Amino acid sequence: MTALPERTDRKLGLVIDLDTCVGCHACVISCKGWNTENYGAPLSDQDPYGGAPSGTFLNRVHSYEVQPPEGAAQLVHFPKSCLHCEDAPCVTVCPTGASYKRVEDGIVLVNESDCIGCGLCAWACPYGARELDAAEGVMKKCTLCVDRIYNENLPEVDRTPACVRTCPAGARHFGDLSDPASDVSRLVSERGGVDLMPEQGTKPVNKYLPPRPRDRLARDAAEPTTGEIDVLAPFLEPVAETPQGFIGWLDRALEKL
């Protein structure tokens, strides 16, 4: 079995803003595309156009309707992938040493040539972040796009996980969470970032930024300040006293009915 390193030089991971994520699944598709064409065994699909399609994904988005103690119910989109835990139980249960945590950056990976597909790591992971590829018979998981972030053949702007590079809402952030001055660390500090299921004691590196109450945001938007009203006033005046063009014709036609 694999031993965890006592410490890692860095803690590379993701910070996911649940207030910004719109559930578009762009991160899911980009992750599937990149990891099927590049690192490791392809992510297979079974019966993709049939009645019971299934497949292997390293990142999934779950959507939940939640009811806060105070305020209106809201829809929360919750992306989930491997959290690259400091105390990763998936690593310590692996009988062949295929699962391991890197000392240099803290990324948890699977050496697929040593994986026997026993599934023990999937049972040990409390987040359901590992998937057995049915075609290859090996365990697959998020790699933080290790083949992108260190690839000097890519433009610097692309040396980030595919899901982060693709997110149209800017809900996903990547960086070193061991550095208090990093952008991701400042986000966690300023927005009150939290661990997923901290009671499990796995110390996940990835963090989540909680969603803001929607009823307060809606009220603020519905009640503009005096300054905002002054700015909007010219645009609130009617364009014409009587309807013109097609709308005018429609208005006259409806009056005759």
Protein backbone atom coordinates (compact mmCIF):
# COMPACT_ATOMS: atom_id res chain seq x y z
CA MET A 1 0.00 0.00 0.00
CA THR A 2 1.07 3.59 -0.60
CA ALA A 3 2.17 5.89 2.18
CA LEU A 4 1.21 9.54 2.13
CA PRO A 5 4.03 12.11 2.17
CA GLU A 6 4.51 13.86 5.50
CA ARG A 7 4.32 17.21 3.67
CA THR A 8 4.14 18.53 0.14
CA ASP A 9 6.05 21.44 -1.36
CA ARG A 10 2.85 22.98 -2.71
CA LYS A 11 -0.89 22.35 -2.51
CA LEU A 12 -2.23 22.82 -6.01
CA GLY A 13 -5.99 22.74 -6.15
CA LEU A 14 -9.25 24.35 -7.19
CA VAL A 15 -11.47 26.95 -5.59
CA ILE A 16 -15.04 26.70 -6.89
CA ASP A 17 -17.47 29.58 -6.52
CA LEU A 18 -20.96 28.16 -5.95
CA ASP A 19 -22.37 31.67 -6.22
CA THR A 20 -21.11 32.03 -9.79
CA CYS A 21 -21.51 28.52 -11.24
CA VAL A 22 -24.47 28.43 -13.64
CA GLY A 23 -24.51 24.66 -14.17
CA CYS A 24 -23.67 24.86 -17.88
CA HIS A 25 -21.46 21.70 -17.76
CA ALA A 26 -18.75 23.33 -19.90
CA CYS A 27 -16.20 22.13 -17.34
CA VAL A 28 -17.51 18.57 -17.66
CA ILE A 29 -17.24 18.54 -21.44
CA SER A 30 -13.80 20.16 -21.58
CA CYS A 31 -12.50 17.74 -18.95
CA LYS A 32 -13.86 14.75 -20.85
CA GLY A 33 -12.38 15.99 -24.12
CA TRP A 34 -8.91 16.78 -22.79
CA ASN A 35 -8.51 13.62 -20.74
CA THR A 36 -9.81 11.38 -23.50
CA GLU A 37 -7.27 12.72 -25.99
CA ASN A 38 -4.23 13.13 -23.76
CA TYR A 39 -3.16 11.82 -20.32
CA GLY A 40 -3.67 8.13 -19.56
CA ALA A 41 -6.27 5.74 -20.91
CA PRO A 42 -9.21 7.35 -22.77
CA LEU A 43 -12.43 8.00 -20.88
CA SER A 44 -14.78 5.51 -22.50
CA ASP A 45 -18.54 5.62 -23.06
CA GLN A 46 -20.91 2.67 -23.16
CA ASP A 47 -23.98 2.74 -25.39
CA PRO A 48 -23.76 6.56 -25.68
CA TYR A 49 -26.69 6.82 -28.11
CA GLY A 50 -28.76 3.97 -26.75
CA GLY A 51 -31.41 3.66 -24.10
CA ALA A 52 -29.03 3.32 -21.13
CA PRO A 53 -25.94 5.39 -21.83
CA SER A 54 -23.08 5.45 -19.33
CA GLY A 55 -19.50 6.61 -19.29
CA THR A 56 -16.51 7.75 -17.30
CA PHE A 57 -16.26 11.37 -16.20
CA LEU A 58 -13.64 12.99 -13.97
CA ASN A 59 -15.82 15.99 -13.20
CA ARG A 60 -19.57 16.13 -12.71
CA VAL A 61 -22.03 18.90 -11.86
CA HIS A 62 -24.93 18.17 -9.51
CA SER A 63 -27.81 20.60 -9.07
CA TYR A 64 -29.82 20.98 -5.87
CA GLU A 65 -32.73 23.15 -4.81
CA VAL A 66 -31.99 24.32 -1.27
CA GLN A 67 -34.14 26.14 1.25
CA PRO A 68 -32.15 28.45 3.56
CA PRO A 69 -33.52 28.98 7.10
CA GLU A 70 -34.44 32.51 6.05
CA GLY A 71 -35.22 33.68 2.55
CA ALA A 72 -36.27 32.16 -0.72
CA ALA A 73 -35.33 28.75 -2.06
CA GLN A 74 -32.52 28.75 -4.56
CA LEU A 75 -30.91 26.42 -7.08
CA VAL A 76 -27.27 25.59 -6.38
CA HIS A 77 -25.04 23.96 -9.00
CA PHE A 78 -22.37 21.87 -7.33
CA PRO A 79 -19.35 20.74 -9.41
CA LYS A 80 -17.46 17.82 -7.91
CA SER A 81 -14.22 16.05 -8.77
CA CYS A 82 -11.22 14.69 -6.84
CA LEU A 83 -10.36 17.07 -3.99
CA HIS A 84 -6.67 15.99 -3.78
CA CYS A 85 -6.97 15.53 -0.02
CA GLU A 86 -3.99 15.93 2.28
CA ASP A 87 -5.00 12.73 4.12
CA ALA A 88 -6.28 10.88 1.07
CA PRO A 89 -7.80 7.52 2.09
CA CYS A 90 -7.85 6.41 -1.55
CA VAL A 91 -4.05 6.37 -1.49
CA THR A 92 -3.53 4.45 1.72
CA VAL A 93 -5.93 1.59 0.81
CA CYS A 94 -4.46 0.91 -2.64
CA PRO A 95 -3.01 -2.65 -2.54
CA THR A 96 -0.64 -2.14 -5.48
CA GLY A 97 0.58 1.39 -4.81
CA ALA A 98 -1.06 2.62 -8.01
CA SER A 99 -2.64 5.57 -6.18
CA TYR A 100 -0.16 8.08 -4.87
CA LYS A 101 0.20 11.70 -3.78
CA ARG A 102 2.99 13.77 -5.28
CA VAL A 103 5.43 15.51 -2.94
CA GLU A 104 6.15 18.39 -5.31
CA ASP A 105 2.58 19.69 -5.67
CA GLY A 106 0.20 17.51 -3.66
CA ILE A 107 -1.67 16.19 -6.71
CA VAL A 108 -3.19 12.72 -6.25
CA LEU A 109 -2.69 10.49 -9.29
CA VAL A 110 -3.15 6.88 -10.40
CA ASN A 111 -0.40 4.91 -12.12
CA GLU A 112 -2.70 3.06 -14.49
CA SER A 113 -0.10 0.42 -15.37
CA ASP A 114 -0.20 -0.74 -11.72
CA CYS A 115 -3.97 -0.39 -11.20
CA ILE A 116 -5.82 -3.73 -11.03
CA GLY A 117 -9.31 -2.18 -10.95
CA CYS A 118 -10.15 -3.60 -7.52
CA GLY A 119 -12.19 -0.52 -6.61
CA LEU A 120 -10.92 -0.20 -3.03
CA CYS A 121 -10.00 3.45 -3.60
CA ALA A 122 -13.52 4.20 -4.81
CA TRP A 123 -14.94 2.62 -1.66
CA ALA A 124 -12.55 4.63 0.52
CA CYS A 125 -13.26 7.99 -1.12
CA PRO A 126 -16.09 9.70 0.80
CA TYR A 127 -16.79 12.04 -2.12
CA GLY A 128 -17.45 9.51 -4.87
CA ALA A 129 -14.73 11.14 -6.93
CA ARG A 130 -13.27 7.99 -8.51
CA GLU A 131 -14.70 6.05 -11.43
CA LEU A 132 -13.74 2.68 -12.86
CA ASP A 133 -13.48 2.87 -16.62
CA ALA A 134 -15.49 -0.06 -17.94
CA ALA A 135 -13.47 -0.37 -21.14
CA GLU A 136 -9.97 -0.07 -19.69
CA GLY A 137 -10.59 -1.69 -16.32
CA VAL A 138 -8.59 0.94 -14.46
CA MET A 139 -9.55 3.63 -11.97
CA LYS A 140 -9.84 7.17 -13.32
CA LYS A 141 -9.85 10.47 -11.44
CA CYS A 142 -9.14 14.17 -11.82
CA THR A 143 -5.45 14.84 -12.42
CA LEU A 144 -5.70 18.65 -12.24
CA CYS A 145 -4.60 18.36 -15.87
CA VAL A 146 -1.02 17.65 -14.80
CA ASP A 147 -0.14 17.31 -18.47
CA ARG A 148 -1.32 20.88 -19.12
CA ILE A 149 -0.12 22.86 -16.13
CA TYR A 150 3.54 21.90 -16.66
CA ASN A 151 3.47 21.78 -20.46
CA GLU A 152 5.87 24.45 -21.73
CA ASN A 153 4.72 23.80 -25.30
CA LEU A 154 1.38 25.42 -24.44
CA PRO A 155 0.90 29.20 -24.17
CA GLU A 156 1.15 30.28 -20.55
CA VAL A 157 -2.54 31.19 -20.45
CA ASP A 158 -3.41 27.55 -21.23
CA ARG A 159 -1.24 26.08 -18.46
CA THR A 160 -4.22 25.61 -16.21
CA PRO A 161 -6.77 22.78 -15.85
CA ALA A 162 -9.11 22.46 -18.83
CA CYS A 163 -12.17 23.02 -16.63
CA VAL A 164 -10.77 26.32 -15.33
CA ARG A 165 -9.73 27.49 -18.78
CA THR A 166 -13.19 26.72 -20.18
CA CYS A 167 -15.56 27.99 -17.46
CA PRO A 168 -17.54 30.87 -19.06
CA ALA A 169 -18.71 32.20 -15.68
CA GLY A 170 -15.28 32.33 -14.06
CA ALA A 171 -16.50 30.08 -11.27
CA ARG A 172 -13.38 27.90 -11.16
CA HIS A 173 -9.99 29.06 -9.89
CA PHE A 174 -6.65 27.22 -9.81
CA GLY A 175 -3.54 27.85 -7.77
CA ASP A 176 -1.35 27.04 -4.79
CA LEU A 177 -3.42 26.92 -1.62
CA SER A 178 -0.31 26.61 0.56
CA ASP A 179 0.65 30.17 -0.39
CA PRO A 180 -1.36 32.69 1.67
CA ALA A 181 -0.64 35.38 -0.93
CA SER A 182 -1.96 33.41 -3.90
CA ASP A 183 -5.17 34.46 -5.61
CA VAL A 184 -6.95 31.27 -4.56
CA SER A 185 -5.91 31.64 -0.92
CA ARG A 186 -7.14 35.23 -0.85
CA LEU A 187 -10.46 34.14 -2.35
CA VAL A 188 -10.89 31.52 0.36
CA SER A 189 -10.05 34.05 3.07
CA GLU A 190 -12.26 36.85 1.74
CA ARG A 191 -15.30 34.73 0.86
CA GLY A 192 -15.17 32.22 3.71
CA GLY A 193 -14.21 29.20 1.62
CA VAL A 194 -15.13 25.83 3.14
CA ASP A 195 -14.13 22.17 2.93
CA LEU A 196 -16.52 19.58 1.57
CA MET A 197 -17.59 17.24 4.39
CA PRO A 198 -14.86 18.29 6.85
CA GLU A 199 -16.11 15.71 9.35
CA GLN A 200 -14.45 13.02 7.21
CA GLY A 201 -11.02 14.28 8.28
CA THR A 202 -9.51 14.01 4.80
CA LYS A 203 -8.39 17.68 4.69
CA PRO A 204 -9.39 18.34 1.07
CA VAL A 205 -7.20 20.84 -0.76
CA ASN A 206 -10.04 22.03 -3.01
CA LYS A 207 -12.33 24.62 -1.45
CA TYR A 208 -15.86 25.87 -2.13
CA LEU A 209 -17.06 29.45 -1.90
CA PRO A 210 -20.63 29.43 -0.50
CA PRO A 211 -23.50 30.99 -2.50
CA ARG A 212 -24.88 34.33 -1.38
CA PRO A 213 -28.55 34.57 -0.29
CA ARG A 214 -30.60 35.13 -3.43
CA ASP A 215 -33.49 37.01 -1.79
CA ARG A 216 -31.15 39.79 -0.61
CA LEU A 217 -29.60 40.11 -4.07
CA ALA A 218 -33.04 40.23 -5.68
CA ARG A 219 -34.23 42.86 -3.23
CA ASP A 220 -31.15 45.00 -3.83
CA ALA A 221 -31.68 44.74 -7.58
CA ALA A 222 -35.38 45.55 -7.30
CA GLU A 223 -34.78 48.62 -5.13
CA PRO A 224 -32.32 50.88 -6.96
CA THR A 225 -30.79 53.78 -5.10
CA THR A 226 -31.65 57.43 -5.80
CA GLY A 227 -28.45 57.81 -7.80
CA GLU A 228 -29.29 54.78 -9.91
CA ILE A 229 -32.78 56.14 -10.60
CA ASP A 230 -31.30 59.49 -11.72
CA VAL A 231 -29.02 57.69 -14.15
CA LEU A 232 -31.82 55.49 -15.51
CA ALA A 233 -34.44 58.26 -15.70
CA PRO A 234 -33.79 59.27 -19.36
CA PHE A 235 -34.23 55.65 -20.45
CA LEU A 236 -37.54 55.27 -18.60
CA GLU A 237 -39.32 57.96 -20.62
CA PRO A 238 -41.70 56.67 -23.32
CA VAL A 239 -40.19 56.65 -26.81
CA ALA A 240 -43.43 57.94 -28.41
CA GLU A 241 -46.82 59.09 -27.19
CA THR A 242 -48.58 56.65 -29.54
CA PRO A 243 -47.31 53.27 -30.71
CA GLN A 244 -45.52 53.34 -34.07
CA GLY A 245 -44.66 50.78 -36.76
CA PHE A 246 -45.77 47.18 -36.33
CA ILE A 247 -46.73 47.74 -32.68
CA GLY A 248 -48.90 50.68 -33.72
CA TRP A 249 -50.62 48.62 -36.41
CA LEU A 250 -51.18 45.75 -33.96
CA ASP A 251 -52.59 48.15 -31.38
CA ARG A 252 -55.07 49.62 -33.88
CA ALA A 253 -56.06 46.17 -35.13
CA LEU A 254 -56.77 44.92 -31.62
CA GLU A 255 -58.90 47.98 -30.87
CA LYS A 256 -61.28 46.98 -33.70
CA LEU A 257 -61.94 43.53 -32.25
